[in-house]
């Protein structure tokens, strides 16, 4: 039975491709899409990234867990970490995306990169969140955490546990730095603890994944001088990424567990299912 996939790339927009081979490979997929210089593909939920190498071209899509109906994002050589909004002049610093690994720790990696310029502090940031939660059981109740306080404090230490608004608020306070989350789908900026601190970091959220935002000269922590311009530039990047199919609306999009076939709406529902079953292979319906 032919496999139908939803391919996305800036040069073709959203395109449905049909693979008639019995066991289509990555090579067959790229041939059907007709996009040149593809450096990697993104697929699944949470998204996985496969670099395009000679060896990987022969990989069967079935072996990757790709099923008919899934959405595949094709990335060319300049799309990962690319500057989506070009600078006004060659010498003028400008904002750009710093890509973070798709490994369920992307929030902590993004904050770690912006604060420390590397990813090795991610586990320490998880520990900060755990310590704050367990030390404040009256504030962080099961109604807030969606699980008992002490259970949550151990759960968040796991590298496969996703972070969100609760964790961002805690980290912003402990790091004495406001955290501005640029939402790619809604094109809004959520400012965590903006009023409490004079400096801030910017991270991009596409609905299921966080990336760091940095200045081309290496700056990742900003003061409020020129804040409006920085926010406007980050929203321009978000708008371009959304236009080229990088956003994901978890409030309305349906996610299918490719292991058992159950369908969910929203990141929380998917996270609960993954935690209770151990299933990690998800895709868009």
Protein backbone atom coordinates (compact mmCIF):
# COMPACT_ATOMS: atom_id res chain seq x y z
CA UNK A 1 0.00 0.00 0.00
CA UNK A 2 1.49 3.40 -0.96
CA UNK A 3 2.71 5.61 1.86
CA UNK A 4 1.45 9.20 1.83
CA UNK A 5 3.43 11.82 3.76
CA UNK A 6 3.09 15.56 4.32
CA UNK A 7 6.41 17.13 3.35
CA UNK A 8 7.30 20.70 4.29
CA UNK A 9 10.08 22.95 3.02
CA UNK A 10 10.25 26.65 2.20
CA UNK A 11 10.67 25.89 -1.51
CA UNK A 12 7.59 23.65 -1.79
CA UNK A 13 5.44 24.76 1.14
CA UNK A 14 3.28 21.88 2.37
CA UNK A 15 3.19 19.05 -0.15
CA UNK A 16 1.61 15.60 0.01
CA UNK A 17 3.95 13.02 -1.50
CA UNK A 18 3.10 9.40 -2.35
CA UNK A 19 5.76 6.72 -2.02
CA UNK A 20 4.77 3.61 -3.97
CA UNK A 21 7.74 1.44 -3.01
CA UNK A 22 7.06 -1.50 -0.68
CA UNK A 23 9.62 -0.32 1.86
CA UNK A 24 10.38 3.31 0.99
CA UNK A 25 13.69 4.73 2.17
CA UNK A 26 14.88 8.21 3.03
CA UNK A 27 16.31 8.35 -0.50
CA UNK A 28 12.85 7.63 -1.96
CA UNK A 29 11.32 10.35 0.22
CA UNK A 30 13.81 12.99 -0.92
CA UNK A 31 13.34 12.00 -4.54
CA UNK A 32 9.57 12.38 -4.27
CA UNK A 33 9.91 15.81 -2.63
CA UNK A 34 12.29 17.19 -5.23
CA UNK A 35 14.17 19.45 -2.79
CA UNK A 36 17.91 19.85 -3.28
CA UNK A 37 20.64 20.08 -0.65
CA UNK A 38 18.58 18.62 2.19
CA UNK A 39 20.80 18.40 5.30
CA UNK A 40 18.35 16.68 7.67
CA UNK A 41 14.73 15.69 8.16
CA UNK A 42 12.53 16.14 11.25
CA UNK A 43 9.69 13.76 12.06
CA UNK A 44 7.69 12.25 14.92
CA UNK A 45 6.56 13.63 18.26
CA UNK A 46 8.57 14.65 20.16
CA UNK A 47 10.42 15.47 16.94
CA UNK A 48 13.49 13.47 15.96
CA UNK A 49 16.15 14.72 13.58
CA UNK A 50 17.97 12.51 11.07
CA UNK A 51 21.01 14.02 9.28
CA UNK A 52 21.19 13.21 5.59
CA UNK A 53 24.33 11.12 5.05
CA UNK A 54 25.16 8.46 2.49
CA UNK A 55 24.48 5.77 5.08
CA UNK A 56 21.17 7.26 6.22
CA UNK A 57 19.82 7.58 2.69
CA UNK A 58 19.22 3.83 2.63
CA UNK A 59 17.36 3.85 5.97
CA UNK A 60 13.82 2.53 5.65
CA UNK A 61 11.11 4.91 6.82
CA UNK A 62 9.46 2.02 8.66
CA UNK A 63 12.65 1.58 10.69
CA UNK A 64 12.40 5.23 11.74
CA UNK A 65 8.83 4.71 12.92
CA UNK A 66 7.45 6.93 10.14
CA UNK A 67 3.90 5.99 9.18
CA UNK A 68 1.58 7.12 6.42
CA UNK A 69 0.02 10.52 7.08
CA UNK A 70 2.95 11.89 9.08
CA UNK A 71 4.49 15.32 8.54
CA UNK A 72 8.16 15.47 7.54
CA UNK A 73 10.09 18.74 7.68
CA UNK A 74 13.01 18.98 5.24
CA UNK A 75 15.89 21.15 6.38
CA UNK A 76 18.51 22.49 4.01
CA UNK A 77 22.04 23.43 4.93
CA UNK A 78 21.17 26.91 6.17
CA UNK A 79 17.92 26.14 7.98
CA UNK A 80 19.20 24.84 11.33
CA UNK A 81 20.37 27.84 13.28
CA UNK A 82 19.84 30.08 10.28
CA UNK A 83 19.19 33.78 10.65
CA UNK A 84 15.60 34.08 9.49
CA UNK A 85 15.69 37.88 9.57
CA UNK A 86 18.82 39.21 7.82
CA UNK A 87 20.79 42.06 9.37
CA UNK A 88 20.26 45.62 8.12
CA UNK A 89 23.99 45.86 7.37
CA UNK A 90 26.80 43.27 7.25
CA UNK A 91 28.43 44.62 10.42
CA UNK A 92 25.29 45.14 12.49
CA UNK A 93 24.58 42.46 15.14
CA UNK A 94 21.25 40.71 14.72
CA UNK A 95 19.18 38.03 16.42
CA UNK A 96 19.34 34.41 15.29
CA UNK A 97 18.19 30.98 16.41
CA UNK A 98 20.62 28.68 18.20
CA UNK A 99 19.27 25.18 17.61
CA UNK A 100 18.85 22.99 20.68
CA UNK A 101 18.78 19.15 20.55
CA UNK A 102 15.38 17.42 20.31
CA UNK A 103 15.84 15.27 23.42
CA UNK A 104 13.00 16.25 25.81
CA UNK A 105 15.37 18.55 27.76
CA UNK A 106 15.12 21.39 25.24
CA UNK A 107 13.72 23.92 27.75
CA UNK A 108 16.55 23.34 30.21
CA UNK A 109 19.13 23.25 27.40
CA UNK A 110 17.83 26.57 26.04
CA UNK A 111 18.04 28.30 29.41
CA UNK A 112 21.44 26.72 30.08
CA UNK A 113 22.76 27.99 26.76
CA UNK A 114 21.42 31.51 27.23
CA UNK A 115 22.73 31.87 30.78
CA UNK A 116 25.99 29.90 30.60
CA UNK A 117 26.64 29.60 26.84
CA UNK A 118 26.70 25.80 27.01
CA UNK A 119 24.27 22.94 27.67
CA UNK A 120 26.06 21.21 30.52
CA UNK A 121 24.07 23.02 33.23
CA UNK A 122 20.75 21.50 32.18
CA UNK A 123 20.77 18.81 34.89
CA UNK A 124 21.62 21.45 37.49
CA UNK A 125 18.65 23.53 36.35
CA UNK A 126 16.39 20.52 36.78
CA UNK A 127 17.78 20.12 40.30
CA UNK A 128 16.98 23.77 41.08
CA UNK A 129 13.36 23.23 40.06
CA UNK A 130 13.13 20.03 42.08
CA UNK A 131 14.59 21.67 45.19
CA UNK A 132 12.28 24.69 45.00
CA UNK A 133 9.19 22.54 44.55
CA UNK A 134 9.90 20.14 47.38
CA UNK A 135 10.80 23.03 49.72
CA UNK A 136 7.47 24.77 49.04
CA UNK A 137 4.72 22.13 49.23
CA UNK A 138 2.06 24.69 50.13
CA UNK A 139 2.70 26.61 46.92
CA UNK A 140 3.40 23.67 44.62
CA UNK A 141 0.47 21.38 45.30
CA UNK A 142 -0.75 18.41 43.30
CA UNK A 143 -3.38 20.68 41.75
CA UNK A 144 -0.59 22.86 40.33
CA UNK A 145 1.86 20.11 39.46
CA UNK A 146 -0.66 17.51 38.27
CA UNK A 147 1.06 14.99 40.54
CA UNK A 148 2.05 14.82 44.24
CA UNK A 149 4.75 17.28 45.26
CA UNK A 150 7.49 14.76 46.09
CA UNK A 151 6.65 12.60 43.10
CA UNK A 152 7.00 15.65 40.86
CA UNK A 153 10.31 16.63 42.49
CA UNK A 154 11.77 13.28 41.41
CA UNK A 155 10.02 13.21 38.04
CA UNK A 156 11.43 16.56 36.90
CA UNK A 157 14.98 15.27 37.47
CA UNK A 158 14.54 12.74 34.68
CA UNK A 159 16.08 13.76 31.38
CA UNK A 160 12.93 12.74 29.48
CA UNK A 161 10.56 14.95 31.52
CA UNK A 162 9.37 18.03 29.66
CA UNK A 163 9.44 21.49 31.19
CA UNK A 164 6.99 24.37 30.75
CA UNK A 165 5.60 27.42 32.49
CA UNK A 166 6.10 26.23 36.08
CA UNK A 167 9.73 25.43 35.48
CA UNK A 168 10.34 28.67 33.57
CA UNK A 169 8.96 30.77 36.44
CA UNK A 170 11.12 28.96 39.01
CA UNK A 171 14.27 29.28 36.91
CA UNK A 172 13.68 32.95 36.17
CA UNK A 173 13.44 33.71 39.89
CA UNK A 174 16.44 31.64 40.93
CA UNK A 175 18.62 32.93 38.08
CA UNK A 176 17.48 36.54 38.70
CA UNK A 177 16.80 36.87 34.99
CA UNK A 178 13.46 37.34 33.26
CA UNK A 179 12.70 34.75 30.60
CA UNK A 180 10.83 35.85 27.49
CA UNK A 181 9.24 32.98 25.57
CA UNK A 182 8.52 33.76 21.92
CA UNK A 183 5.54 31.62 20.89
CA UNK A 184 5.94 30.79 17.22
CA UNK A 185 2.34 29.70 16.68
CA UNK A 186 0.54 32.61 18.38
CA UNK A 187 3.27 35.17 17.57
CA UNK A 188 3.12 36.43 21.14
CA UNK A 189 5.82 36.85 23.80
CA UNK A 190 5.19 35.50 27.31
CA UNK A 191 7.36 37.45 29.77
CA UNK A 192 8.18 35.53 32.94
CA UNK A 193 9.09 37.83 35.88
CA UNK A 194 9.58 40.83 33.59
CA UNK A 195 8.81 43.31 36.38
CA UNK A 196 11.30 41.82 38.84
CA UNK A 197 14.53 41.91 36.85
CA UNK A 198 16.32 44.33 34.53
CA UNK A 199 17.90 41.66 32.35
CA UNK A 200 16.28 38.91 30.28
CA UNK A 201 16.89 36.03 27.91
CA UNK A 202 14.88 35.04 24.83
CA UNK A 203 13.84 31.50 23.90
CA UNK A 204 11.70 30.33 20.99
CA UNK A 205 8.83 27.85 21.42
CA UNK A 206 7.27 26.20 18.36
CA UNK A 207 4.57 24.33 20.26
CA UNK A 208 6.61 21.25 21.18
CA UNK A 209 10.23 22.40 21.20
CA UNK A 210 12.34 25.24 22.65
CA UNK A 211 15.36 26.84 20.98
CA UNK A 212 17.66 29.56 22.27
CA UNK A 213 17.75 33.02 20.70
CA UNK A 214 21.09 34.79 20.58
CA UNK A 215 22.69 37.85 19.07
CA UNK A 216 25.07 37.20 16.19
CA UNK A 217 27.89 38.70 18.26
CA UNK A 218 27.37 36.03 20.92
CA UNK A 219 25.19 37.89 23.42
CA UNK A 220 22.41 35.87 25.01
CA UNK A 221 21.48 38.00 28.04
CA UNK A 222 19.98 41.42 27.37
CA UNK A 223 19.04 44.49 29.37
CA UNK A 224 15.86 46.41 28.70
CA UNK A 225 17.54 49.03 26.57
CA UNK A 226 16.26 48.35 23.09
CA UNK A 227 13.88 45.67 24.38
CA UNK A 228 11.10 46.60 21.97
CA UNK A 229 13.41 46.24 18.98
CA UNK A 230 14.66 42.86 20.18
CA UNK A 231 11.13 41.59 20.67
CA UNK A 232 10.06 42.86 17.26
CA UNK A 233 13.03 41.14 15.62
CA UNK A 234 12.38 37.87 17.45
CA UNK A 235 8.73 37.95 16.37
CA UNK A 236 9.83 38.51 12.76
CA UNK A 237 11.96 35.37 13.01
CA UNK A 238 9.03 33.49 14.55
CA UNK A 239 6.71 34.65 11.79
CA UNK A 240 9.08 33.42 9.07
CA UNK A 241 9.55 30.08 10.80
CA UNK A 242 5.79 29.69 11.16
CA UNK A 243 5.31 30.54 7.49
CA UNK A 244 7.72 27.77 6.52
CA UNK A 245 5.95 25.16 8.64
CA UNK A 246 8.03 25.03 11.82
CA UNK A 247 5.21 25.87 14.27
CA UNK A 248 2.98 23.30 15.94
CA UNK A 249 -0.29 24.17 17.66
CA UNK A 250 -0.65 21.63 20.48
CA UNK A 251 -4.03 23.05 21.47
CA UNK A 252 -5.74 21.97 18.27
CA UNK A 253 -3.41 19.51 16.56
CA UNK A 254 -3.99 15.82 17.19
CA UNK A 255 -1.06 13.62 18.17
CA UNK A 256 -1.09 9.89 17.55
CA UNK A 257 0.89 7.34 19.55
CA UNK A 258 2.47 5.22 16.84
CA UNK A 259 2.96 2.39 19.33
CA UNK A 260 -0.64 1.82 20.44
CA UNK A 261 -2.65 4.06 18.08
CA UNK A 262 -4.23 6.29 20.75
CA UNK A 263 -4.81 9.92 19.74
CA UNK A 264 -4.32 12.94 22.03
CA UNK A 265 -4.72 16.71 21.92
CA UNK A 266 -2.18 18.80 23.79
CA UNK A 267 1.30 18.36 25.17
CA UNK A 268 0.10 17.48 28.68
CA UNK A 269 -2.01 14.57 27.45
CA UNK A 270 0.88 13.23 25.38
CA UNK A 271 3.29 13.60 28.29
CA UNK A 272 0.93 11.72 30.62
CA UNK A 273 0.55 8.89 28.13
CA UNK A 274 4.31 8.63 27.59
CA UNK A 275 4.93 8.57 31.33
CA UNK A 276 2.32 5.91 32.09
CA UNK A 277 3.12 3.59 29.15
CA UNK A 278 6.73 4.25 28.25
CA UNK A 279 5.70 4.95 24.65
CA UNK A 280 7.88 7.56 22.95
CA UNK A 281 7.00 7.29 19.26
CA UNK A 282 4.41 9.96 18.41
CA UNK A 283 3.37 11.63 15.17
CA UNK A 284 0.82 14.02 13.78
CA UNK A 285 -2.49 12.64 12.57
